[in-house]
Amino acid sequence: MYDYLVVGSGLFGATFAYEAAQRGKRVKVIEKRDHIAGNIYTHEVDGIQVHQYGAHIFHTSNKEVWDYIQQFAEFNRYTNSPVANYNGEMYNLPFNMNTFNKLWGVKTPAEAVAKIEEQKKAANLSGEPKNLEEQAISLIGTDIYEKLIKGYTEKQWGKKATELPAFIIRRLPVRLTYDNNYFNDTYQGIPIGGYTQIVEKMLASDLIDVETGVDFFDNKDEYIKEYPKIIFTGMIDQFFNYELGELEYRSLHFETEEMDVDNYQGNAVVNYTDAETPYTRVIEHKHFEYGKGDKDKTIVTREYPANWSRGDEPYYPMNDAKNNELYKQYKKLAETVPSVMFGGRLGQYRYYDMHQVIHAALTTISQEFDK
């Protein structure tokens, strides 16, 4: 009856299902949660689109991907400009001249560079940075590392900065301008009316059937026998019953509350960079759409990083050398089941942003249909 079974209704699965249906294929989509759209799921409360699984800002310099996503929603011009709270001191992110002025009183790029170089020299680093701490100090000096990176990063990943790989921090934006835009990408915004509509439109075809509240692993063997091709967007190690060992992930949990105020913190995202505050950031959802929503109501979410163990929701792959090597072994094992294609953050064990997920899904589509 079906040409494909898609396991998971996040961006990867939905994009694949949409494109397969466009080519006349019948697709069954099953989703473990009680809603579609995966981690980009949004829903309305008090006229506010709430990002249930953390802040999602779409950004890309890939015009093909930007044009593609615009088929399914109109985007606003939201610019990601988070603020850091370090023990009550407020700093602009990414690190820019506003940050440097607040921290050191410098006014020109030359003064900022001199201050950073002075601190790097005092740290007495030599050779290629061996861990995240050395990489961060070599980029931005000790003051910013201690106040705005160390505590946040160690909470986020559950490890000391000296135990984390240097590459995690290499894409950190550092600007010698008074520019609070976190991303350098050409295109950026948030869909007006939330993200869920995008996946709803992708899955609206008569050739696509969707079931939520269905766990693939309850009937794994039957699915493999019944469907000629499977697109699996869950954890690749779980698919193989962890037979080569567990990959590491980080989990999150969220505390969301409704407040009887119009404006709680003045910004969509405030990062808490000290080590003592248990959450990493506070999201005030109405600011993603410029205060749209009921007056004197706001929705605030606190985001807490957590260790992952079986049964928990995995959010981030731990892409250090050990885990990447184990993933390579799982990828090789996946070649023994050619009827199954693995996709998304968990299936491909990569820290994908949304635009990268879409690009990866379109690449899989091309490999499948443009042979």
Protein backbone atom coordinates (compact mmCIF):
# COMPACT_ATOMS: atom_id res chain seq x y z
CA MET A 1 0.00 0.00 0.00
CA TYR A 2 2.87 2.40 0.81
CA ASP A 3 6.19 3.08 -0.90
CA TYR A 4 7.81 4.58 2.22
CA LEU A 5 7.48 4.54 5.97
CA VAL A 6 8.82 7.74 7.54
CA VAL A 7 9.63 7.40 11.24
CA GLY A 8 9.42 10.84 12.82
CA SER A 9 7.55 13.96 11.70
CA GLY A 10 10.26 16.55 12.30
CA LEU A 11 11.77 18.62 9.51
CA PHE A 12 13.78 15.80 7.94
CA GLY A 13 10.92 13.31 7.89
CA ALA A 14 8.33 15.86 6.78
CA THR A 15 10.54 17.20 3.98
CA PHE A 16 11.21 13.70 2.70
CA ALA A 17 7.52 12.76 2.87
CA TYR A 18 6.51 15.93 1.03
CA GLU A 19 9.03 15.45 -1.75
CA ALA A 20 8.22 11.76 -2.14
CA ALA A 21 4.50 12.57 -2.44
CA GLN A 22 5.33 15.25 -5.02
CA ARG A 23 6.80 12.38 -7.04
CA GLY A 24 3.63 10.31 -6.74
CA LYS A 25 4.80 8.03 -3.92
CA ARG A 26 2.53 6.89 -1.10
CA VAL A 27 3.98 7.60 2.35
CA LYS A 28 3.07 6.57 5.87
CA VAL A 29 4.42 8.81 8.64
CA ILE A 30 4.49 7.62 12.24
CA GLU A 31 5.36 9.86 15.17
CA LYS A 32 6.06 8.81 18.77
CA ARG A 33 4.86 12.09 20.27
CA ASP A 34 1.21 13.16 20.31
CA HIS A 35 1.87 15.93 17.78
CA ILE A 36 3.71 16.45 14.51
CA ALA A 37 6.70 18.77 13.81
CA GLY A 38 9.27 17.30 16.20
CA ASN A 39 11.34 19.81 18.14
CA ILE A 40 10.14 22.77 16.05
CA TYR A 41 6.56 22.26 17.31
CA THR A 42 4.83 25.50 18.28
CA HIS A 43 1.34 26.08 19.67
CA GLU A 44 -0.66 29.16 20.62
CA VAL A 45 -1.28 30.30 24.20
CA ASP A 46 -2.70 33.76 24.95
CA GLY A 47 -2.22 34.68 21.30
CA ILE A 48 1.49 33.83 21.59
CA GLN A 49 3.27 31.15 19.56
CA VAL A 50 5.09 29.05 22.17
CA HIS A 51 8.23 27.18 21.07
CA GLN A 52 7.65 24.04 23.14
CA TYR A 53 11.15 22.61 22.77
CA GLY A 54 13.28 25.74 23.02
CA ALA A 55 13.98 28.76 20.85
CA HIS A 56 14.08 28.12 17.10
CA ILE A 57 15.29 30.91 14.81
CA PHE A 58 15.56 30.01 11.14
CA HIS A 59 18.75 31.31 9.55
CA THR A 60 20.69 30.38 6.43
CA SER A 61 22.87 31.73 3.66
CA ASN A 62 21.63 28.98 1.33
CA LYS A 63 19.16 30.72 -1.00
CA GLU A 64 17.81 27.39 -2.25
CA VAL A 65 16.85 26.36 1.30
CA TRP A 66 15.46 29.82 2.12
CA ASP A 67 13.28 29.83 -1.00
CA TYR A 68 12.19 26.27 -0.24
CA ILE A 69 10.96 26.95 3.31
CA GLN A 70 9.12 30.10 2.17
CA GLN A 71 6.67 27.87 0.27
CA PHE A 72 5.13 26.85 3.55
CA ALA A 73 5.03 30.05 5.65
CA GLU A 74 5.60 33.78 5.57
CA PHE A 75 8.57 34.76 7.74
CA ASN A 76 8.99 37.90 9.82
CA ARG A 77 12.28 39.78 10.07
CA TYR A 78 13.20 38.59 13.55
CA THR A 79 16.93 38.98 14.29
CA ASN A 80 18.49 36.82 16.97
CA SER A 81 20.06 39.17 19.54
CA PRO A 82 20.34 37.29 22.83
CA VAL A 83 21.48 38.95 26.05
CA ALA A 84 23.73 37.36 28.68
CA ASN A 85 23.01 37.67 32.40
CA TYR A 86 26.09 37.05 34.54
CA ASN A 87 25.11 37.44 38.20
CA GLY A 88 22.87 40.37 37.28
CA GLU A 89 25.34 42.04 34.89
CA MET A 90 23.83 42.25 31.39
CA TYR A 91 25.94 41.86 28.26
CA ASN A 92 25.17 41.81 24.55
CA LEU A 93 25.70 38.65 22.53
CA PRO A 94 27.42 37.76 20.30
CA PHE A 95 30.61 39.30 21.67
CA ASN A 96 30.87 42.69 20.02
CA MET A 97 31.85 46.27 20.73
CA ASN A 98 28.82 46.72 23.02
CA THR A 99 30.10 43.76 25.10
CA PHE A 100 33.67 45.03 25.14
CA ASN A 101 32.62 48.55 26.11
CA LYS A 102 30.50 47.29 29.01
CA LEU A 103 33.25 44.96 30.21
CA TRP A 104 36.38 47.04 29.69
CA GLY A 105 35.24 50.56 28.84
CA VAL A 106 36.96 50.40 25.43
CA LYS A 107 35.43 52.44 22.62
CA THR A 108 37.30 51.44 19.47
CA PRO A 109 38.04 48.12 17.74
CA ALA A 110 41.79 48.73 18.18
CA GLU A 111 41.36 49.09 21.94
CA ALA A 112 39.28 45.89 22.08
CA VAL A 113 41.83 43.91 20.07
CA ALA A 114 44.65 45.16 22.30
CA LYS A 115 42.74 44.06 25.43
CA ILE A 116 42.03 40.61 24.01
CA GLU A 117 45.66 40.17 22.90
CA GLU A 118 46.90 41.23 26.33
CA GLN A 119 44.74 38.57 28.01
CA LYS A 120 45.68 35.88 25.51
CA LYS A 121 49.35 36.60 26.12
CA ALA A 122 48.89 36.49 29.89
CA ALA A 123 47.20 33.05 29.55
CA ASN A 124 50.48 31.75 28.10
CA LEU A 125 48.85 29.40 25.60
CA SER A 126 50.99 27.65 23.02
CA GLY A 127 50.29 25.46 20.02
CA GLU A 128 46.89 24.32 18.75
CA PRO A 129 44.13 24.65 21.38
CA LYS A 130 43.63 21.22 22.99
CA ASN A 131 40.18 21.81 24.47
CA LEU A 132 37.29 24.24 24.60
CA GLU A 133 38.81 26.38 27.35
CA GLU A 134 42.03 26.97 25.42
CA GLN A 135 40.09 27.61 22.20
CA ALA A 136 37.82 30.17 23.87
CA ILE A 137 40.68 32.05 25.55
CA SER A 138 42.63 32.09 22.29
CA LEU A 139 39.61 33.67 20.58
CA ILE A 140 38.37 36.15 23.15
CA GLY A 141 40.60 36.33 26.24
CA THR A 142 40.06 35.34 29.85
CA ASP A 143 37.47 37.90 31.09
CA ILE A 144 34.81 36.99 28.54
CA TYR A 145 35.64 33.30 28.84
CA GLU A 146 35.16 33.36 32.62
CA LYS A 147 32.00 35.48 32.62
CA LEU A 148 30.15 34.56 29.46
CA ILE A 149 31.37 31.17 28.22
CA LYS A 150 32.64 28.86 30.97
CA GLY A 151 29.58 28.51 33.22
CA TYR A 152 27.05 28.40 30.36
CA THR A 153 29.02 25.84 28.35
CA GLU A 154 29.71 23.53 31.28
CA LYS A 155 26.00 23.56 32.18
CA GLN A 156 25.04 22.96 28.56
CA TRP A 157 27.29 19.93 28.04
CA GLY A 158 27.60 18.58 31.58
CA LYS A 159 31.41 18.49 31.40
CA LYS A 160 34.31 20.73 32.34
CA ALA A 161 35.42 23.06 29.56
CA THR A 162 38.86 21.42 29.69
CA GLU A 163 37.18 18.08 28.85
CA LEU A 164 35.23 19.41 25.85
CA PRO A 165 36.60 19.45 22.29
CA ALA A 166 37.82 22.78 20.93
CA PHE A 167 35.60 22.67 17.82
CA ILE A 168 32.42 23.33 19.83
CA ILE A 169 33.45 26.98 20.27
CA ARG A 170 35.16 27.60 16.93
CA ARG A 171 32.01 28.96 15.28
CA LEU A 172 31.55 31.48 18.11
CA PRO A 173 30.80 34.90 16.58
CA VAL A 174 33.22 37.65 17.69
CA ARG A 175 32.63 41.08 16.17
CA LEU A 176 34.55 44.34 16.29
CA THR A 177 31.37 46.27 15.45
CA TYR A 178 28.38 47.46 17.45
CA ASP A 179 26.21 44.74 15.93
CA ASN A 180 24.01 42.52 18.13
CA ASN A 181 22.88 40.17 15.32
CA TYR A 182 24.03 36.73 16.48
CA PHE A 183 24.07 35.16 13.01
CA ASN A 184 26.08 36.17 9.97
CA ASP A 185 23.63 34.49 7.59
CA THR A 186 22.00 36.30 4.69
CA TYR A 187 18.48 35.19 5.61
CA GLN A 188 16.87 35.06 9.04
CA GLY A 189 13.41 35.08 10.56
CA ILE A 190 10.60 33.20 12.28
CA PRO A 191 7.42 32.02 10.55
CA ILE A 192 4.45 34.27 11.32
CA GLY A 193 2.02 31.97 13.11
CA GLY A 194 4.66 29.48 14.24
CA TYR A 195 6.49 26.46 12.85
CA THR A 196 3.84 23.75 13.13
CA GLN A 197 2.00 25.08 10.07
CA ILE A 198 5.08 24.31 7.93
CA VAL A 199 4.97 20.61 8.74
CA GLU A 200 1.16 20.55 8.48
CA LYS A 201 1.41 21.84 4.92
CA MET A 202 4.22 19.43 4.06
CA LEU A 203 2.12 16.47 5.23
CA ALA A 204 -1.22 17.64 3.77
CA SER A 205 -1.02 15.49 0.60
CA ASP A 206 -3.63 12.80 -0.10
CA LEU A 207 -0.65 10.49 -0.65
CA ILE A 208 0.56 10.92 2.94
CA ASP A 209 -1.04 9.29 6.00
CA VAL A 210 0.08 10.38 9.46
CA GLU A 211 -0.29 8.64 12.82
CA THR A 212 0.87 10.19 16.08
CA GLY A 213 1.42 8.41 19.39
CA VAL A 214 3.02 5.46 17.58
CA ASP A 215 6.39 4.05 18.69
CA PHE A 216 8.34 2.39 15.86
CA PHE A 217 10.05 0.06 18.31
CA ASP A 218 6.76 -1.48 19.43
CA ASN A 219 6.54 -3.18 16.00
CA LYS A 220 9.99 -2.76 14.48
CA ASP A 221 10.26 -6.18 12.88
CA GLU A 222 6.81 -5.93 11.31
CA TYR A 223 7.55 -2.48 9.87
CA ILE A 224 10.79 -3.71 8.31
CA LYS A 225 8.98 -6.65 6.69
CA GLU A 226 5.96 -4.63 5.56
CA TYR A 227 7.50 -1.48 4.06
CA PRO A 228 9.85 -1.55 1.05
CA LYS A 229 11.74 1.56 2.25
CA ILE A 230 12.01 3.20 5.67
CA ILE A 231 13.23 6.71 6.51
CA PHE A 232 14.34 6.56 10.14
CA THR A 233 14.97 9.84 12.00
CA GLY A 234 15.41 8.44 15.51
CA MET A 235 18.64 7.44 17.23
CA ILE A 236 20.75 5.24 14.98
CA ASP A 237 22.20 3.33 17.96
CA GLN A 238 18.71 2.56 19.27
CA PHE A 239 17.70 1.22 15.85
CA PHE A 240 20.44 -1.38 16.22
CA ASN A 241 19.54 -2.03 19.86
CA TYR A 242 22.79 -0.35 21.00
CA GLU A 243 24.72 -3.45 19.88
CA LEU A 244 27.96 -1.51 19.35
CA GLY A 245 27.46 0.59 22.49
CA GLU A 246 25.58 3.78 23.38
CA LEU A 247 26.23 7.07 21.64
CA GLU A 248 26.16 10.02 24.03
CA TYR A 249 23.48 12.72 23.91
CA ARG A 250 22.47 15.70 26.00
CA SER A 251 18.90 16.10 27.09
CA LEU A 252 16.84 19.11 28.18
CA HIS A 253 13.83 19.79 30.29
CA PHE A 254 11.66 22.86 30.20
CA GLU A 255 9.64 24.75 32.79
CA THR A 256 7.03 26.99 31.19
CA GLU A 257 4.78 29.43 33.02
CA GLU A 258 2.15 31.99 32.16
CA MET A 259 2.68 35.39 33.78
CA ASP A 260 0.23 38.24 34.25
CA VAL A 261 2.59 40.85 32.82
CA ASP A 262 2.96 42.19 29.30
CA ASN A 263 6.76 42.08 29.21
CA TYR A 264 8.83 40.02 31.65
CA GLN A 265 12.46 40.34 30.52
CA GLY A 266 12.51 42.65 27.49
CA ASN A 267 14.10 40.13 25.11
CA ALA A 268 13.20 36.80 23.52
CA VAL A 269 16.28 35.02 24.87
CA VAL A 270 18.39 35.75 27.96
CA ASN A 271 21.32 33.39 28.61
CA TYR A 272 22.35 32.80 32.22
CA THR A 273 26.11 32.36 32.04
CA ASP A 274 27.03 31.91 35.71
CA ALA A 275 27.58 28.37 37.00
CA GLU A 276 25.17 28.70 39.93
CA THR A 277 21.91 29.32 38.01
CA PRO A 278 20.65 25.82 37.10
CA TYR A 279 19.09 26.80 33.77
CA THR A 280 20.98 28.03 30.73
CA ARG A 281 18.44 30.44 29.32
CA VAL A 282 15.02 32.00 29.72
CA ILE A 283 12.81 32.39 26.65
CA GLU A 284 9.97 34.93 26.49
CA HIS A 285 8.05 33.73 23.46
CA LYS A 286 6.03 36.81 22.54
CA HIS A 287 9.20 38.72 21.59
CA PHE A 288 9.76 36.34 18.65
CA GLU A 289 6.78 38.11 17.05
CA TYR A 290 7.47 41.62 18.38
CA GLY A 291 5.13 41.49 21.37
CA LYS A 292 2.16 39.98 19.53
CA GLY A 293 -0.30 38.33 21.90
CA ASP A 294 -2.66 39.18 24.72
CA LYS A 295 -1.85 42.33 26.65
CA ASP A 296 -0.80 41.76 30.26
CA LYS A 297 0.00 38.09 29.51
CA THR A 298 3.31 36.49 28.65
CA ILE A 299 4.72 32.96 28.42
CA VAL A 300 8.19 32.27 29.80
CA THR A 301 10.24 29.06 29.53
CA ARG A 302 13.33 28.15 31.52
CA GLU A 303 15.63 25.66 29.80
CA TYR A 304 17.57 23.16 31.92
CA PRO A 305 20.28 20.93 30.41
CA ALA A 306 20.27 17.34 31.64
CA ASN A 307 22.22 14.14 31.37
CA TRP A 308 20.72 11.66 28.94
CA SER A 309 19.94 8.03 29.66
CA ARG A 310 17.73 5.54 27.85
CA GLY A 311 14.12 6.66 27.89
CA ASP A 312 15.00 10.37 28.00
CA GLU A 313 14.52 12.69 25.05
CA PRO A 314 17.84 13.20 23.20
CA TYR A 315 18.40 16.75 21.93
CA TYR A 316 22.10 17.15 21.16
CA PRO A 317 24.64 14.60 19.93
CA MET A 318 27.96 14.71 21.81
CA ASN A 319 30.21 14.97 18.77
CA ASP A 320 33.56 14.36 20.42
CA ALA A 321 36.18 12.04 18.91
CA LYS A 322 35.04 8.96 20.83
CA ASN A 323 31.39 9.30 19.86
CA ASN A 324 32.12 10.23 16.25
CA GLU A 325 34.21 7.07 15.91
CA LEU A 326 31.37 4.98 17.32
CA TYR A 327 28.92 6.65 14.94
CA LYS A 328 31.15 5.70 12.01
CA GLN A 329 30.79 2.07 13.08
CA TYR A 330 27.01 2.42 13.25
CA LYS A 331 26.99 4.07 9.83
CA LYS A 332 28.87 1.10 8.45
CA LEU A 333 26.38 -1.24 10.14
CA ALA A 334 23.55 0.74 8.50
CA GLU A 335 24.91 -0.25 5.10
CA THR A 336 23.82 -3.82 5.90
CA VAL A 337 20.15 -2.71 5.85
CA PRO A 338 19.84 -0.90 2.49
CA SER A 339 16.05 -0.63 2.83
CA VAL A 340 16.51 1.83 5.72
CA MET A 341 17.79 5.41 5.29
CA PHE A 342 18.84 7.34 8.38
CA GLY A 343 18.30 11.09 8.65
CA GLY A 344 18.17 14.11 10.93
CA ARG A 345 20.15 15.03 14.04
CA LEU A 346 19.69 11.61 15.63
CA GLY A 347 19.82 9.38 12.56
CA GLN A 348 22.97 11.07 11.22
CA TYR A 349 24.34 12.00 14.67
CA ARG A 350 25.09 15.62 13.78
CA TYR A 351 24.41 18.94 15.44
CA TYR A 352 22.18 20.20 12.63
CA ASP A 353 20.45 23.57 12.53
CA MET A 354 17.06 23.68 10.78
CA HIS A 355 18.39 24.78 7.41
CA GLN A 356 20.96 22.01 7.51
CA VAL A 357 18.24 19.44 8.23
CA ILE A 358 16.28 20.58 5.16
CA HIS A 359 19.40 20.51 3.00
CA ALA A 360 20.25 17.00 4.23
CA ALA A 361 16.69 15.82 3.50
CA LEU A 362 16.77 17.29 -0.01
CA THR A 363 20.14 15.61 -0.56
CA THR A 364 18.62 12.26 0.46
CA ILE A 365 15.70 12.89 -1.89
CA SER A 366 18.11 13.59 -4.74
CA GLN A 367 20.06 10.41 -4.01
CA GLU A 368 16.84 8.40 -3.90
CA PHE A 369 15.05 9.76 -6.99
CA ASP A 370 17.68 11.30 -9.24
CA LYS A 371 19.69 8.15 -9.83
